[in-house]
Amino acid sequence: MRSIDPSSQSERENYKLLIGSIIPRPIAFVTSLSSEGVLNAAPYSYFTIVTANPPMIAISVQRKQGVRKDTSRNVIDTGAFVVHISDESYIDQINQTAAALAPDESEVALAGLTPVASDKIAVPGIAEASIRMECVLEQVITLGGTDDAPAADLLIGRVVQFHIAESLYENGHIDAIGLKPVSRLAGSSYAKLGEQFAMDRPV
């Protein structure tokens, strides 16, 4: 067993250990709206559930040299965003949205995706997604880096509306096989849903 002190390594070396170890990671495909009305979209694999009461999810958006990315800036400015579950049916288009565009350019338009109006927030969702969640910003927490150049913005969103394809929904449950989710590994590697197994929890 190799023991490594993260303080003895560079940020990049620690990054490689984290993304290679914490796998697979679900991918949040996030749409946000700029104050000028540009629809931004980007994938994030630093993504998880926070609580179900009320339903909240969290996305960690890394900064570049301390500067906020479009997603963070838009969400903080408007207080809303939409999270889509990434699946096999449109993963190629999701990957296209990772391109570095100017703030006044829309990744949604670049990837040829279809905006769809949300029910409870102003930010549109994406019609191609089988599951999307309308969120309002509950809290933003600035983390890491230095006081002058923080490393990340942790966006905690409260889900105010779920949209789930009828084919995936049955008695309050989601059909995981039908969803065909895609997850992130390290580097340029991704994973599909693999073999499943069940275990009963101890009482």
Protein backbone atom coordinates (compact mmCIF):
# COMPACT_ATOMS: atom_id res chain seq x y z
CA MET A 1 0.00 0.00 0.00
CA ARG A 2 1.49 3.34 -1.06
CA SER A 3 0.98 6.23 1.36
CA ILE A 4 1.02 9.75 -0.10
CA ASP A 5 0.87 13.07 1.73
CA PRO A 6 -1.15 15.44 -0.50
CA SER A 7 0.87 18.41 0.79
CA SER A 8 3.97 16.88 -0.85
CA GLN A 9 2.34 16.90 -4.29
CA SER A 10 1.18 19.45 -6.80
CA GLU A 11 -2.49 20.30 -7.32
CA ARG A 12 -2.39 18.38 -10.60
CA GLU A 13 -0.96 15.25 -8.97
CA ASN A 14 -3.67 15.30 -6.28
CA TYR A 15 -6.29 15.88 -8.96
CA LYS A 16 -5.21 12.74 -10.80
CA LEU A 17 -5.47 10.63 -7.65
CA LEU A 18 -8.93 12.01 -6.84
CA ILE A 19 -10.49 11.56 -10.29
CA GLY A 20 -8.90 8.13 -10.69
CA SER A 21 -10.12 6.93 -7.30
CA ILE A 22 -13.58 8.44 -6.94
CA ILE A 23 -15.26 6.60 -9.80
CA PRO A 24 -17.68 6.39 -11.43
CA ARG A 25 -18.97 9.94 -10.99
CA PRO A 26 -22.41 10.98 -12.25
CA ILE A 27 -22.35 13.90 -14.65
CA ALA A 28 -24.59 16.91 -14.03
CA PHE A 29 -25.36 18.68 -17.29
CA VAL A 30 -26.16 22.20 -16.14
CA THR A 31 -27.93 25.01 -17.95
CA SER A 32 -27.77 28.57 -16.66
CA LEU A 33 -28.81 31.94 -17.99
CA SER A 34 -26.55 34.97 -18.17
CA SER A 35 -27.81 38.41 -17.20
CA GLU A 36 -27.75 39.19 -20.94
CA GLY A 37 -30.02 36.22 -21.66
CA VAL A 38 -27.42 33.82 -23.12
CA LEU A 39 -28.20 30.16 -22.37
CA ASN A 40 -25.05 28.48 -21.08
CA ALA A 41 -24.57 24.72 -20.71
CA ALA A 42 -21.73 22.65 -19.27
CA PRO A 43 -21.08 19.20 -17.76
CA TYR A 44 -19.81 18.72 -14.19
CA SER A 45 -18.80 15.46 -12.53
CA TYR A 46 -18.22 16.93 -9.05
CA PHE A 47 -21.92 16.33 -8.38
CA THR A 48 -24.00 14.72 -5.64
CA ILE A 49 -27.20 14.64 -3.55
CA VAL A 50 -27.18 16.78 -0.40
CA THR A 51 -30.54 16.02 1.22
CA ALA A 52 -34.07 14.94 0.34
CA ASN A 53 -35.81 17.20 2.87
CA PRO A 54 -36.12 19.43 0.94
CA PRO A 55 -34.50 17.91 -2.17
CA MET A 56 -31.09 19.50 -2.68
CA ILE A 57 -28.16 18.72 -4.93
CA ALA A 58 -24.63 20.11 -5.08
CA ILE A 59 -22.22 20.87 -7.90
CA SER A 60 -18.63 21.98 -7.40
CA VAL A 61 -17.55 24.32 -10.19
CA GLN A 62 -13.78 24.75 -10.35
CA ARG A 63 -12.36 28.20 -11.03
CA LYS A 64 -9.53 29.14 -13.40
CA GLN A 65 -6.84 31.15 -11.64
CA GLY A 66 -9.47 32.23 -9.14
CA VAL A 67 -11.91 33.44 -11.81
CA ARG A 68 -15.46 32.11 -11.77
CA LYS A 69 -16.69 30.10 -14.75
CA ASP A 70 -19.81 31.18 -16.64
CA THR A 71 -21.97 28.62 -14.81
CA SER A 72 -21.08 29.91 -11.34
CA ARG A 73 -21.41 33.54 -12.33
CA ASN A 74 -24.77 32.97 -14.02
CA VAL A 75 -26.22 30.91 -11.16
CA ILE A 76 -25.10 33.44 -8.56
CA ASP A 77 -26.46 36.35 -10.62
CA THR A 78 -29.86 34.78 -11.41
CA GLY A 79 -30.33 32.38 -8.49
CA ALA A 80 -31.45 29.46 -10.67
CA PHE A 81 -30.21 26.62 -12.87
CA VAL A 82 -31.32 23.30 -14.37
CA VAL A 83 -29.51 20.00 -13.79
CA HIS A 84 -29.93 17.25 -16.38
CA ILE A 85 -28.84 13.64 -15.96
CA SER A 86 -26.34 12.72 -18.67
CA ASP A 87 -27.25 9.62 -20.67
CA GLU A 88 -26.10 7.72 -23.73
CA SER A 89 -28.65 9.31 -26.05
CA TYR A 90 -27.00 12.75 -26.07
CA ILE A 91 -23.59 12.31 -24.43
CA ASP A 92 -21.77 13.38 -27.62
CA GLN A 93 -23.61 16.70 -27.58
CA ILE A 94 -22.91 17.12 -23.86
CA ASN A 95 -19.22 16.65 -24.58
CA GLN A 96 -19.36 19.41 -27.21
CA THR A 97 -20.59 21.87 -24.58
CA ALA A 98 -17.31 21.49 -22.67
CA ALA A 99 -15.71 23.73 -25.31
CA ALA A 100 -14.31 27.02 -24.02
CA LEU A 101 -16.67 29.63 -25.45
CA ALA A 102 -16.97 33.33 -24.73
CA PRO A 103 -19.73 34.28 -22.24
CA ASP A 104 -21.86 35.71 -25.06
CA GLU A 105 -21.83 32.39 -26.98
CA SER A 106 -24.28 29.58 -26.22
CA GLU A 107 -23.02 26.02 -25.86
CA VAL A 108 -26.62 24.89 -26.36
CA ALA A 109 -26.63 26.38 -29.85
CA LEU A 110 -23.14 25.04 -30.57
CA ALA A 111 -24.19 21.47 -29.75
CA GLY A 112 -27.52 21.71 -31.57
CA LEU A 113 -29.52 21.00 -28.41
CA THR A 114 -33.15 22.02 -27.96
CA PRO A 115 -34.10 24.52 -25.22
CA VAL A 116 -37.37 23.85 -23.39
CA ALA A 117 -39.11 26.23 -20.99
CA SER A 118 -39.00 25.46 -17.28
CA ASP A 119 -42.13 25.52 -15.11
CA LYS A 120 -40.89 27.39 -12.05
CA ILE A 121 -37.69 29.20 -13.02
CA ALA A 122 -36.60 31.40 -15.91
CA VAL A 123 -33.71 29.15 -16.97
CA PRO A 124 -34.63 26.80 -19.85
CA GLY A 125 -33.82 23.11 -19.74
CA ILE A 126 -32.78 20.78 -22.56
CA ALA A 127 -35.43 18.70 -24.32
CA GLU A 128 -33.02 15.85 -25.16
CA ALA A 129 -32.57 14.91 -21.49
CA SER A 130 -34.76 12.17 -19.99
CA ILE A 131 -34.45 13.67 -16.50
CA ARG A 132 -34.04 17.30 -15.56
CA MET A 133 -34.38 19.19 -12.29
CA GLU A 134 -35.23 22.85 -11.96
CA CYS A 135 -33.20 24.33 -9.09
CA VAL A 136 -33.03 27.56 -7.15
CA LEU A 137 -29.74 28.50 -5.55
CA GLU A 138 -29.86 27.65 -1.86
CA GLN A 139 -26.28 28.52 -1.01
CA VAL A 140 -22.89 29.09 -2.62
CA ILE A 141 -19.74 28.22 -0.69
CA THR A 142 -16.33 29.40 -1.88
CA LEU A 143 -13.64 26.82 -1.16
CA GLY A 144 -9.94 26.10 -1.55
CA GLY A 145 -7.16 28.05 -3.17
CA THR A 146 -6.29 31.35 -1.50
CA ASP A 147 -8.26 34.36 -0.31
CA ASP A 148 -7.32 36.16 -3.53
CA ALA A 149 -7.86 33.17 -5.82
CA PRO A 150 -10.35 30.59 -4.49
CA ALA A 151 -10.33 27.17 -6.17
CA ALA A 152 -14.03 26.37 -6.45
CA ASP A 153 -17.63 27.44 -5.96
CA LEU A 154 -19.85 24.82 -4.34
CA LEU A 155 -23.36 25.48 -5.66
CA ILE A 156 -26.13 23.98 -3.56
CA GLY A 157 -29.46 23.97 -5.34
CA ARG A 158 -32.94 23.21 -4.07
CA VAL A 159 -34.96 21.20 -6.57
CA VAL A 160 -38.30 22.90 -7.17
CA GLN A 161 -39.48 20.75 -10.08
CA PHE A 162 -38.61 17.31 -11.44
CA HIS A 163 -39.15 16.37 -15.10
CA ILE A 164 -38.89 12.62 -15.82
CA ALA A 165 -39.62 10.78 -19.05
CA GLU A 166 -42.77 8.68 -18.70
CA SER A 167 -40.90 5.62 -19.96
CA LEU A 168 -38.54 5.80 -16.96
CA TYR A 169 -41.05 6.47 -14.18
CA GLU A 170 -43.02 3.78 -12.35
CA ASN A 171 -44.60 4.11 -8.90
CA GLY A 172 -42.09 6.72 -7.76
CA HIS A 173 -39.05 4.82 -9.00
CA ILE A 174 -36.65 5.44 -11.90
CA ASP A 175 -35.75 2.69 -14.37
CA ALA A 176 -31.94 2.81 -14.24
CA ILE A 177 -31.46 0.46 -17.18
CA GLY A 178 -33.83 2.51 -19.32
CA LEU A 179 -32.12 5.74 -18.34
CA LYS A 180 -28.74 4.53 -19.64
CA PRO A 181 -26.74 6.99 -17.54
CA VAL A 182 -23.17 7.89 -18.41
CA SER A 183 -20.57 8.47 -15.72
CA ARG A 184 -17.12 10.03 -15.66
CA LEU A 185 -13.87 8.20 -15.01
CA ALA A 186 -10.38 9.70 -15.32
CA GLY A 187 -8.89 11.41 -18.36
CA SER A 188 -11.05 10.98 -21.44
CA SER A 189 -12.74 7.82 -20.11
CA TYR A 190 -16.43 7.38 -19.40
CA ALA A 191 -18.57 4.45 -18.28
CA LYS A 192 -22.02 3.10 -19.01
CA LEU A 193 -24.22 1.42 -16.42
CA GLY A 194 -22.65 -1.96 -15.75
CA GLU A 195 -23.76 -5.14 -14.05
CA GLN A 196 -26.07 -4.58 -11.08
CA PHE A 197 -26.45 -6.58 -7.88
CA ALA A 198 -28.52 -6.23 -4.72
CA MET A 199 -27.72 -6.65 -1.02
CA ASP A 200 -30.03 -6.35 1.96
CA ARG A 201 -28.95 -3.86 4.60
CA PRO A 202 -28.31 -5.28 8.06
CA VAL A 203 -31.05 -4.56 10.60
